Amino acid sequence: MFEYSFYKNTNEEIRAVEVAPLENYFLRVCFSNGEKRVFDVKTLFGMPVYSPLKNKALFSAAKIECDMVVWEYKRKNEYLVNDIDIHQEILYWDGIPENS
């Protein structure tokens, strides 16, 4: 059986396991292989789905679900909650290793 792995040259499956919102819209994401990467969420603000994250209270409510960073977002005058998410592959490959 073929297993998908976004980690180069290995079959090791790496998952996002912990997230910490930082100042200036950065996220520190810890992965199951022990690596920590810092991701700049501002790079996504040009896409309408991510613009609500400019709200610092919403941004600071980041959490991990299903190996993604997610935020629960309820639009004004709507009863539905729409999750905003960033997949682990983006966080890993576009994130900067914390010790760099």
PDB file of N, CA and C in Angstrom:
ATOM      1  N   MET A   1       0.844  -1.194   0.000  1.00  0.00           N
ATOM      2  CA  MET A   1       0.000   0.000   0.000  1.00  0.00           C
ATOM      3  C   MET A   1       0.883   1.248   0.000  1.00  0.00           C
ATOM      4  N   PHE A   2       0.552   2.182  -0.865  1.00  0.00           N
ATOM      5  CA  PHE A   2       1.301   3.424  -0.974  1.00  0.00           C
ATOM      6  C   PHE A   2       0.857   4.379   0.119  1.00  0.00           C
ATOM      7  N   GLU A   3       1.815   4.949   0.835  1.00  0.00           N
ATOM      8  CA  GLU A   3       1.499   5.954   1.843  1.00  0.00           C
ATOM      9  C   GLU A   3       2.009   7.301   1.363  1.00  0.00           C
ATOM     10  N   TYR A   4       1.163   8.308   1.467  1.00  0.00           N
ATOM     11  CA  TYR A   4       1.547   9.649   1.065  1.00  0.00           C
ATOM     12  C   TYR A   4       2.408  10.273   2.164  1.00  0.00           C
ATOM     13  N   SER A   5       3.480  10.895   1.778  1.00  0.00           N
ATOM     14  CA  SER A   5       4.309  11.634   2.716  1.00  0.00           C
ATOM     15  C   SER A   5       4.775  12.906   2.035  1.00  0.00           C
ATOM     16  N   PHE A   6       4.583  14.033   2.689  1.00  0.00           N
ATOM     17  CA  PHE A   6       5.041  15.280   2.090  1.00  0.00           C
ATOM     18  C   PHE A   6       6.471  15.586   2.516  1.00  0.00           C
ATOM     19  N   TYR A   7       7.059  14.733   3.324  1.00  0.00           N
ATOM     20  CA  TYR A   7       8.421  14.933   3.780  1.00  0.00           C
ATOM     21  C   TYR A   7       9.376  14.299   2.790  1.00  0.00           C
ATOM     22  N   LYS A   8      10.332  15.040   2.285  1.00  0.00           N
ATOM     23  CA  LYS A   8      11.232  14.573   1.218  1.00  0.00           C
ATOM     24  C   LYS A   8      11.997  13.310   1.615  1.00  0.00           C
ATOM     25  N   ASN A   9      12.098  12.394   0.655  1.00  0.00           N
ATOM     26  CA  ASN A   9      12.979  11.238   0.730  1.00  0.00           C
ATOM     27  C   ASN A   9      12.744  10.333   1.941  1.00  0.00           C
ATOM     28  N   THR A  10      11.520  10.181   2.368  1.00  0.00           N
ATOM     29  CA  THR A  10      11.225   9.295   3.487  1.00  0.00           C
ATOM     30  C   THR A  10       9.763   8.902   3.445  1.00  0.00           C
ATOM     31  N   ASN A  11       9.451   7.847   4.104  1.00  0.00           N
ATOM     32  CA  ASN A  11       8.051   7.441   4.250  1.00  0.00           C
ATOM     33  C   ASN A  11       7.486   7.897   5.585  1.00  0.00           C
ATOM     34  N   GLU A  12       8.286   8.625   6.340  1.00  0.00           N
ATOM     35  CA  GLU A  12       7.846   9.125   7.634  1.00  0.00           C
ATOM     36  C   GLU A  12       6.661  10.070   7.439  1.00  0.00           C
ATOM     37  N   GLU A  13       5.622   9.832   8.189  1.00  0.00           N
ATOM     38  CA  GLU A  13       4.457  10.713   8.113  1.00  0.00           C
ATOM     39  C   GLU A  13       4.605  11.801   9.170  1.00  0.00           C
ATOM     40  N   ILE A  14       4.604  13.030   8.734  1.00  0.00           N
ATOM     41  CA  ILE A  14       4.785  14.161   9.633  1.00  0.00           C
ATOM     42  C   ILE A  14       3.466  14.896   9.767  1.00  0.00           C
ATOM     43  N   ARG A  15       3.094  15.164  10.998  1.00  0.00           N
ATOM     44  CA  ARG A  15       1.826  15.834  11.265  1.00  0.00           C
ATOM     45  C   ARG A  15       2.064  17.097  12.091  1.00  0.00           C
ATOM     46  N   ALA A  16       1.216  18.090  11.871  1.00  0.00           N
ATOM     47  CA  ALA A  16       1.212  19.272  12.734  1.00  0.00           C
ATOM     48  C   ALA A  16       0.569  18.845  14.057  1.00  0.00           C
ATOM     49  N   VAL A  17       1.261  19.071  15.168  1.00  0.00           N
ATOM     50  CA  VAL A  17       0.754  18.601  16.458  1.00  0.00           C
ATOM     51  C   VAL A  17       0.493  19.722  17.461  1.00  0.00           C
ATOM     52  N   GLU A  18       1.076  20.896  17.218  1.00  0.00           N
ATOM     53  CA  GLU A  18       0.892  21.999  18.164  1.00  0.00           C
ATOM     54  C   GLU A  18       1.072  23.317  17.427  1.00  0.00           C
ATOM     55  N   VAL A  19       0.298  24.329  17.826  1.00  0.00           N
ATOM     56  CA  VAL A  19       0.420  25.644  17.211  1.00  0.00           C
ATOM     57  C   VAL A  19       0.410  26.712  18.294  1.00  0.00           C
ATOM     58  N   ALA A  20       1.212  27.741  18.074  1.00  0.00           N
ATOM     59  CA  ALA A  20       1.238  28.892  18.977  1.00  0.00           C
ATOM     60  C   ALA A  20       1.222  30.155  18.125  1.00  0.00           C
ATOM     61  N   PRO A  21       0.156  30.972  18.244  1.00  0.00           N
ATOM     62  CA  PRO A  21       0.141  32.260  17.548  1.00  0.00           C
ATOM     63  C   PRO A  21       1.196  33.194  18.155  1.00  0.00           C
ATOM     64  N   LEU A  22       1.930  33.873  17.302  1.00  0.00           N
ATOM     65  CA  LEU A  22       2.953  34.813  17.734  1.00  0.00           C
ATOM     66  C   LEU A  22       2.566  36.221  17.297  1.00  0.00           C
ATOM     67  N   GLU A  23       3.367  37.191  17.690  1.00  0.00           N
ATOM     68  CA  GLU A  23       3.107  38.575  17.285  1.00  0.00           C
ATOM     69  C   GLU A  23       3.248  38.731  15.779  1.00  0.00           C
ATOM     70  N   ASN A  24       2.606  39.756  15.261  1.00  0.00           N
ATOM     71  CA  ASN A  24       2.706  40.153  13.855  1.00  0.00           C
ATOM     72  C   ASN A  24       2.225  39.051  12.898  1.00  0.00           C
ATOM     73  N   TYR A  25       1.246  38.274  13.349  1.00  0.00           N
ATOM     74  CA  TYR A  25       0.582  37.256  12.521  1.00  0.00           C
ATOM     75  C   TYR A  25       1.503  36.118  12.078  1.00  0.00           C
ATOM     76  N   PHE A  26       2.389  35.720  12.950  1.00  0.00           N
ATOM     77  CA  PHE A  26       3.202  34.532  12.716  1.00  0.00           C
ATOM     78  C   PHE A  26       2.648  33.389  13.552  1.00  0.00           C
ATOM     79  N   LEU A  27       2.835  32.163  13.060  1.00  0.00           N
ATOM     80  CA  LEU A  27       2.479  30.956  13.802  1.00  0.00           C
ATOM     81  C   LEU A  27       3.732  30.120  14.007  1.00  0.00           C
ATOM     82  N   ARG A  28       3.905  29.597  15.219  1.00  0.00           N
ATOM     83  CA  ARG A  28       4.935  28.591  15.453  1.00  0.00           C
ATOM     84  C   ARG A  28       4.210  27.249  15.451  1.00  0.00           C
ATOM     85  N   VAL A  29       4.601  26.378  14.536  1.00  0.00           N
ATOM     86  CA  VAL A  29       3.951  25.078  14.412  1.00  0.00           C
ATOM     87  C   VAL A  29       4.964  23.994  14.740  1.00  0.00           C
ATOM     88  N   CYS A  30       4.592  23.099  15.665  1.00  0.00           N
ATOM     89  CA  CYS A  30       5.427  21.959  16.019  1.00  0.00           C
ATOM     90  C   CYS A  30       4.906  20.744  15.266  1.00  0.00           C
ATOM     91  N   PHE A  31       5.829  19.979  14.702  1.00  0.00           N
ATOM     92  CA  PHE A  31       5.480  18.807  13.919  1.00  0.00           C
ATOM     93  C   PHE A  31       5.878  17.541  14.655  1.00  0.00           C
ATOM     94  N   SER A  32       5.278  16.432  14.244  1.00  0.00           N
ATOM     95  CA  SER A  32       5.485  15.157  14.930  1.00  0.00           C
ATOM     96  C   SER A  32       6.920  14.653  14.874  1.00  0.00           C
ATOM     97  N   ASN A  33       7.739  15.182  13.978  1.00  0.00           N
ATOM     98  CA  ASN A  33       9.143  14.780  13.903  1.00  0.00           C
ATOM     99  C   ASN A  33      10.031  15.644  14.809  1.00  0.00           C
ATOM    100  N   GLY A  34       9.422  16.532  15.600  1.00  0.00           N
ATOM    101  CA  GLY A  34      10.165  17.386  16.521  1.00  0.00           C
ATOM    102  C   GLY A  34      10.551  18.735  15.947  1.00  0.00           C
ATOM    103  N   GLU A  35      10.373  18.933  14.648  1.00  0.00           N
ATOM    104  CA  GLU A  35      10.714  20.222  14.042  1.00  0.00           C
ATOM    105  C   GLU A  35       9.689  21.283  14.421  1.00  0.00           C
ATOM    106  N   LYS A  36      10.183  22.513  14.545  1.00  0.00           N
ATOM    107  CA  LYS A  36       9.325  23.675  14.758  1.00  0.00           C
ATOM    108  C   LYS A  36       9.577  24.632  13.609  1.00  0.00           C
ATOM    109  N   ARG A  37       8.498  25.108  13.027  1.00  0.00           N
ATOM    110  CA  ARG A  37       8.611  26.058  11.918  1.00  0.00           C
ATOM    111  C   ARG A  37       7.730  27.264  12.199  1.00  0.00           C
ATOM    112  N   VAL A  38       8.166  28.405  11.692  1.00  0.00           N
ATOM    113  CA  VAL A  38       7.425  29.656  11.856  1.00  0.00           C
ATOM    114  C   VAL A  38       6.859  30.028  10.493  1.00  0.00           C
ATOM    115  N   PHE A  39       5.548  30.274  10.466  1.00  0.00           N
ATOM    116  CA  PHE A  39       4.842  30.579   9.224  1.00  0.00           C
ATOM    117  C   PHE A  39       4.232  31.969   9.316  1.00  0.00           C
ATOM    118  N   ASP A  40       4.422  32.773   8.275  1.00  0.00           N
ATOM    119  CA  ASP A  40       3.900  34.139   8.209  1.00  0.00           C
ATOM    120  C   ASP A  40       2.518  34.122   7.552  1.00  0.00           C
ATOM    121  N   VAL A  41       1.475  34.253   8.344  1.00  0.00           N
ATOM    122  CA  VAL A  41       0.101  34.202   7.836  1.00  0.00           C
ATOM    123  C   VAL A  41      -0.223  35.430   6.985  1.00  0.00           C
ATOM    124  N   LYS A  42       0.498  36.517   7.165  1.00  0.00           N
ATOM    125  CA  LYS A  42       0.253  37.724   6.358  1.00  0.00           C
ATOM    126  C   LYS A  42       0.382  37.443   4.867  1.00  0.00           C
ATOM    127  N   THR A  43       1.165  36.445   4.503  1.00  0.00           N
ATOM    128  CA  THR A  43       1.324  36.117   3.084  1.00  0.00           C
ATOM    129  C   THR A  43       0.020  35.625   2.467  1.00  0.00           C
ATOM    130  N   LEU A  44      -0.947  35.263   3.286  1.00  0.00           N
ATOM    131  CA  LEU A  44      -2.233  34.758   2.796  1.00  0.00           C
ATOM    132  C   LEU A  44      -3.340  35.807   2.818  1.00  0.00           C
ATOM    133  N   PHE A  45      -3.075  36.966   3.390  1.00  0.00           N
ATOM    134  CA  PHE A  45      -4.125  37.973   3.573  1.00  0.00           C
ATOM    135  C   PHE A  45      -4.710  38.483   2.257  1.00  0.00           C
ATOM    136  N   GLY A  46      -4.030  38.317   1.147  1.00  0.00           N
ATOM    137  CA  GLY A  46      -4.564  38.745  -0.138  1.00  0.00           C
ATOM    138  C   GLY A  46      -5.725  37.880  -0.621  1.00  0.00           C
ATOM    139  N   MET A  47      -5.880  36.702  -0.026  1.00  0.00           N
ATOM    140  CA  MET A  47      -6.993  35.817  -0.380  1.00  0.00           C
ATOM    141  C   MET A  47      -8.154  36.088   0.574  1.00  0.00           C
ATOM    142  N   PRO A  48      -9.346  36.344   0.048  1.00  0.00           N
ATOM    143  CA  PRO A  48     -10.483  36.735   0.896  1.00  0.00           C
ATOM    144  C   PRO A  48     -10.789  35.770   2.047  1.00  0.00           C
ATOM    145  N   VAL A  49     -10.583  34.491   1.855  1.00  0.00           N
ATOM    146  CA  VAL A  49     -10.901  33.539   2.915  1.00  0.00           C
ATOM    147  C   VAL A  49     -10.048  33.766   4.162  1.00  0.00           C
ATOM    148  N   TYR A  50      -8.843  34.303   3.993  1.00  0.00           N
ATOM    149  CA  TYR A  50      -7.950  34.520   5.132  1.00  0.00           C
ATOM    150  C   TYR A  50      -8.011  35.926   5.715  1.00  0.00           C
ATOM    151  N   SER A  51      -8.686  36.861   5.068  1.00  0.00           N
ATOM    152  CA  SER A  51      -8.720  38.247   5.561  1.00  0.00           C
ATOM    153  C   SER A  51      -9.328  38.396   6.955  1.00  0.00           C
ATOM    154  N   PRO A  52     -10.297  37.552   7.380  1.00  0.00           N
ATOM    155  CA  PRO A  52     -10.789  37.695   8.756  1.00  0.00           C
ATOM    156  C   PRO A  52      -9.717  37.480   9.817  1.00  0.00           C
ATOM    157  N   LEU A  53      -8.624  36.817   9.458  1.00  0.00           N
ATOM    158  CA  LEU A  53      -7.563  36.569  10.440  1.00  0.00           C
ATOM    159  C   LEU A  53      -6.795  37.832  10.810  1.00  0.00           C
ATOM    160  N   LYS A  54      -7.065  38.938  10.126  1.00  0.00           N
ATOM    161  CA  LYS A  54      -6.472  40.215  10.519  1.00  0.00           C
ATOM    162  C   LYS A  54      -6.983  40.638  11.898  1.00  0.00           C
ATOM    163  N   ASN A  55      -8.128  40.088  12.298  1.00  0.00           N
ATOM    164  CA  ASN A  55      -8.665  40.319  13.635  1.00  0.00           C
ATOM    165  C   ASN A  55      -7.784  39.548  14.622  1.00  0.00           C
ATOM    166  N   LYS A  56      -7.072  40.259  15.472  1.00  0.00           N
ATOM    167  CA  LYS A  56      -6.102  39.624  16.366  1.00  0.00           C
ATOM    168  C   LYS A  56      -6.735  38.639  17.339  1.00  0.00           C
ATOM    169  N   ALA A  57      -7.960  38.915  17.784  1.00  0.00           N
ATOM    170  CA  ALA A  57      -8.624  37.971  18.694  1.00  0.00           C
ATOM    171  C   ALA A  57      -8.912  36.651  17.984  1.00  0.00           C
ATOM    172  N   LEU A  58      -9.376  36.744  16.751  1.00  0.00           N
ATOM    173  CA  LEU A  58      -9.618  35.522  15.980  1.00  0.00           C
ATOM    174  C   LEU A  58      -8.295  34.811  15.696  1.00  0.00           C
ATOM    175  N   PHE A  59      -7.284  35.549  15.259  1.00  0.00           N
ATOM    176  CA  PHE A  59      -5.996  34.945  14.949  1.00  0.00           C
ATOM    177  C   PHE A  59      -5.435  34.181  16.145  1.00  0.00           C
ATOM    178  N   SER A  60      -5.566  34.738  17.329  1.00  0.00           N
ATOM    179  CA  SER A  60      -4.990  34.110  18.520  1.00  0.00           C
ATOM    180  C   SER A  60      -5.747  32.857  18.953  1.00  0.00           C
ATOM    181  N   ALA A  61      -6.879  32.559  18.313  1.00  0.00           N
ATOM    182  CA  ALA A  61      -7.668  31.366  18.652  1.00  0.00           C
ATOM    183  C   ALA A  61      -7.301  30.167  17.775  1.00  0.00           C
ATOM    184  N   ALA A  62      -6.138  30.182  17.164  1.00  0.00           N
ATOM    185  CA  ALA A  62      -5.692  29.080  16.302  1.00  0.00           C
ATOM    186  C   ALA A  62      -5.591  27.797  17.109  1.00  0.00           C
ATOM    187  N   LYS A  63      -5.949  26.689  16.463  1.00  0.00           N
ATOM    188  CA  LYS A  63      -5.823  25.380  17.103  1.00  0.00           C
ATOM    189  C   LYS A  63      -5.545  24.336  16.030  1.00  0.00           C
ATOM    190  N   ILE A  64      -5.149  23.156  16.469  1.00  0.00           N
ATOM    191  CA  ILE A  64      -4.871  22.046  15.549  1.00  0.00           C
ATOM    192  C   ILE A  64      -6.088  21.129  15.509  1.00  0.00           C
ATOM    193  N   GLU A  65      -6.528  20.818  14.299  1.00  0.00           N
ATOM    194  CA  GLU A  65      -7.572  19.812  14.063  1.00  0.00           C
ATOM    195  C   GLU A  65      -7.225  19.099  12.768  1.00  0.00           C
ATOM    196  N   CYS A  66      -7.250  17.781  12.787  1.00  0.00           N
ATOM    197  CA  CYS A  66      -6.999  16.976  11.571  1.00  0.00           C
ATOM    198  C   CYS A  66      -5.703  17.393  10.878  1.00  0.00           C
ATOM    199  N   ASP A  67      -4.665  17.622  11.651  1.00  0.00           N
ATOM    200  CA  ASP A  67      -3.337  17.969  11.129  1.00  0.00           C
ATOM    201  C   ASP A  67      -3.292  19.329  10.431  1.00  0.00           C
ATOM    202  N   MET A  68      -4.269  20.172  10.669  1.00  0.00           N
ATOM    203  CA  MET A  68      -4.291  21.515  10.092  1.00  0.00           C
ATOM    204  C   MET A  68      -4.411  22.533  11.226  1.00  0.00           C
ATOM    205  N   VAL A  69      -3.994  23.758  10.944  1.00  0.00           N
ATOM    206  CA  VAL A  69      -4.296  24.860  11.854  1.00  0.00           C
ATOM    207  C   VAL A  69      -5.645  25.400  11.420  1.00  0.00           C
ATOM    208  N   VAL A  70      -6.558  25.535  12.377  1.00  0.00           N
ATOM    209  CA  VAL A  70      -7.911  25.987  12.053  1.00  0.00           C
ATOM    210  C   VAL A  70      -8.348  27.098  13.002  1.00  0.00           C
ATOM    211  N   TRP A  71      -9.283  27.883  12.500  1.00  0.00           N
ATOM    212  CA  TRP A  71      -9.958  28.918  13.274  1.00  0.00           C
ATOM    213  C   TRP A  71     -11.442  28.768  13.016  1.00  0.00           C
ATOM    214  N   GLU A  72     -12.260  28.852  14.049  1.00  0.00           N
ATOM    215  CA  GLU A  72     -13.714  28.855  13.884  1.00  0.00           C
ATOM    216  C   GLU A  72     -14.150  30.298  13.693  1.00  0.00           C
ATOM    217  N   TYR A  73     -14.813  30.547  12.589  1.00  0.00           N
ATOM    218  CA  TYR A  73     -15.168  31.918  12.224  1.00  0.00           C
ATOM    219  C   TYR A  73     -16.640  31.987  11.878  1.00  0.00           C
ATOM    220  N   LYS A  74     -17.368  32.859  12.576  1.00  0.00           N
ATOM    221  CA  LYS A  74     -18.784  33.081  12.286  1.00  0.00           C
ATOM    222  C   LYS A  74     -18.931  34.459  11.665  1.00  0.00           C
ATOM    223  N   ARG A  75     -19.441  34.494  10.455  1.00  0.00           N
ATOM    224  CA  ARG A  75     -19.637  35.772   9.773  1.00  0.00           C
ATOM    225  C   ARG A  75     -20.805  36.521  10.410  1.00  0.00           C
ATOM    226  N   LYS A  76     -20.768  37.836  10.334  1.00  0.00           N
ATOM    227  CA  LYS A  76     -21.849  38.652  10.887  1.00  0.00           C
ATOM    228  C   LYS A  76     -23.171  38.276  10.242  1.00  0.00           C
ATOM    229  N   ASN A  77     -24.204  38.215  11.052  1.00  0.00           N
ATOM    230  CA  ASN A  77     -25.572  37.948  10.595  1.00  0.00           C
ATOM    231  C   ASN A  77     -25.741  36.583   9.939  1.00  0.00           C
ATOM    232  N   GLU A  78     -24.836  35.668  10.178  1.00  0.00           N
ATOM    233  CA  GLU A  78     -24.974  34.316   9.650  1.00  0.00           C
ATOM    234  C   GLU A  78     -24.957  33.336  10.820  1.00  0.00           C
ATOM    235  N   TYR A  79     -25.676  32.269  10.665  1.00  0.00           N
ATOM    236  CA  TYR A  79     -25.752  31.270  11.718  1.00  0.00           C
ATOM    237  C   TYR A  79     -24.736  30.154  11.540  1.00  0.00           C
ATOM    238  N   LEU A  80     -24.099  30.104  10.395  1.00  0.00           N
ATOM    239  CA  LEU A  80     -23.140  29.044  10.128  1.00  0.00           C
ATOM    240  C   LEU A  80     -21.756  29.446  10.590  1.00  0.00           C
ATOM    241  N   VAL A  81     -21.041  28.492  11.117  1.00  0.00           N
ATOM    242  CA  VAL A  81     -19.649  28.710  11.467  1.00  0.00           C
ATOM    243  C   VAL A  81     -18.809  28.146  10.332  1.00  0.00           C
ATOM    244  N   ASN A  82     -17.949  28.969   9.777  1.00  0.00           N
ATOM    245  CA  ASN A  82     -17.053  28.542   8.699  1.00  0.00           C
ATOM    246  C   ASN A  82     -15.652  28.418   9.272  1.00  0.00           C
ATOM    247  N   ASP A  83     -15.044  27.276   9.119  1.00  0.00           N
ATOM    248  CA  ASP A  83     -13.670  27.130   9.561  1.00  0.00           C
ATOM    249  C   ASP A  83     -12.734  27.721   8.513  1.00  0.00           C
ATOM    250  N   ILE A  84     -11.720  28.394   8.993  1.00  0.00           N
ATOM    251  CA  ILE A  84     -10.616  28.844   8.160  1.00  0.00           C
ATOM    252  C   ILE A  84      -9.472  27.898   8.496  1.00  0.00           C
ATOM    253  N   ASP A  85      -8.802  27.370   7.488  1.00  0.00           N
ATOM    254  CA  ASP A  85      -7.730  26.428   7.800  1.00  0.00           C
ATOM    255  C   ASP A  85      -6.527  26.609   6.890  1.00  0.00           C
ATOM    256  N   ILE A  86      -5.399  26.124   7.395  1.00  0.00           N
ATOM    257  CA  ILE A  86      -4.155  26.069   6.625  1.00  0.00           C
ATOM    258  C   ILE A  86      -3.630  24.648   6.781  1.00  0.00           C
ATOM    259  N   HIS A  87      -3.408  23.981   5.669  1.00  0.00           N
ATOM    260  CA  HIS A  87      -2.968  22.591   5.687  1.00  0.00           C
ATOM    261  C   HIS A  87      -1.522  22.469   6.141  1.00  0.00           C
ATOM    262  N   GLN A  88      -1.224  21.328   6.742  1.00  0.00           N
ATOM    263  CA  GLN A  88       0.111  21.101   7.302  1.00  0.00           C
ATOM    264  C   GLN A  88       1.225  21.178   6.268  1.00  0.00           C
ATOM    265  N   GLU A  89       0.956  20.783   5.034  1.00  0.00           N
ATOM    266  CA  GLU A  89       1.986  20.831   4.005  1.00  0.00           C
ATOM    267  C   GLU A  89       2.446  22.264   3.735  1.00  0.00           C
ATOM    268  N   ILE A  90       1.498  23.188   3.700  1.00  0.00           N
ATOM    269  CA  ILE A  90       1.832  24.604   3.492  1.00  0.00           C
ATOM    270  C   ILE A  90       2.628  25.127   4.680  1.00  0.00           C
ATOM    271  N   LEU A  91       2.185  24.789   5.877  1.00  0.00           N
ATOM    272  CA  LEU A  91       2.868  25.246   7.083  1.00  0.00           C
ATOM    273  C   LEU A  91       4.297  24.714   7.143  1.00  0.00           C
ATOM    274  N   TYR A  92       4.482  23.492   6.699  1.00  0.00           N
ATOM    275  CA  TYR A  92       5.810  22.879   6.753  1.00  0.00           C
ATOM    276  C   TYR A  92       6.724  23.438   5.671  1.00  0.00           C
ATOM    277  N   TRP A  93       6.297  23.365   4.420  1.00  0.00           N
ATOM    278  CA  TRP A  93       7.179  23.756   3.319  1.00  0.00           C
ATOM    279  C   TRP A  93       7.394  25.260   3.220  1.00  0.00           C
ATOM    280  N   ASP A  94       6.395  26.055   3.568  1.00  0.00           N
ATOM    281  CA  ASP A  94       6.534  27.512   3.487  1.00  0.00           C
ATOM    282  C   ASP A  94       6.961  28.113   4.821  1.00  0.00           C
ATOM    283  N   GLY A  95       7.014  27.294   5.858  1.00  0.00           N
ATOM    284  CA  GLY A  95       7.465  27.780   7.158  1.00  0.00           C
ATOM    285  C   GLY A  95       8.987  27.802   7.219  1.00  0.00           C
ATOM    286  N   ILE A  96       9.498  28.643   8.083  1.00  0.00           N
ATOM    287  CA  ILE A  96      10.939  28.768   8.267  1.00  0.00           C
ATOM    288  C   ILE A  96      11.316  27.982   9.509  1.00  0.00           C
ATOM    289  N   PRO A  97      12.308  27.079   9.415  1.00  0.00           N
ATOM    290  CA  PRO A  97      12.734  26.358  10.619  1.00  0.00           C
ATOM    291  C   PRO A  97      13.076  27.349  11.739  1.00  0.00           C
ATOM    292  N   GLU A  98      12.575  27.083  12.916  1.00  0.00           N
ATOM    293  CA  GLU A  98      12.683  28.047  14.013  1.00  0.00           C
ATOM    294  C   GLU A  98      14.124  28.378  14.357  1.00  0.00           C
ATOM    295  N   ASN A  99      15.037  27.466  14.214  1.00  0.00           N
ATOM    296  CA  ASN A  99      16.435  27.711  14.588  1.00  0.00           C
ATOM    297  C   ASN A  99      17.265  28.279  13.454  1.00  0.00           C
ATOM    298  N   SER A 100      16.614  28.776  12.386  1.00  0.00           N
ATOM    299  CA  SER A 100      17.370  29.340  11.253  1.00  0.00           C
ATOM    300  C   SER A 100      17.724  30.786  11.499  1.00  0.00           C
TER     301      SER A 100
END
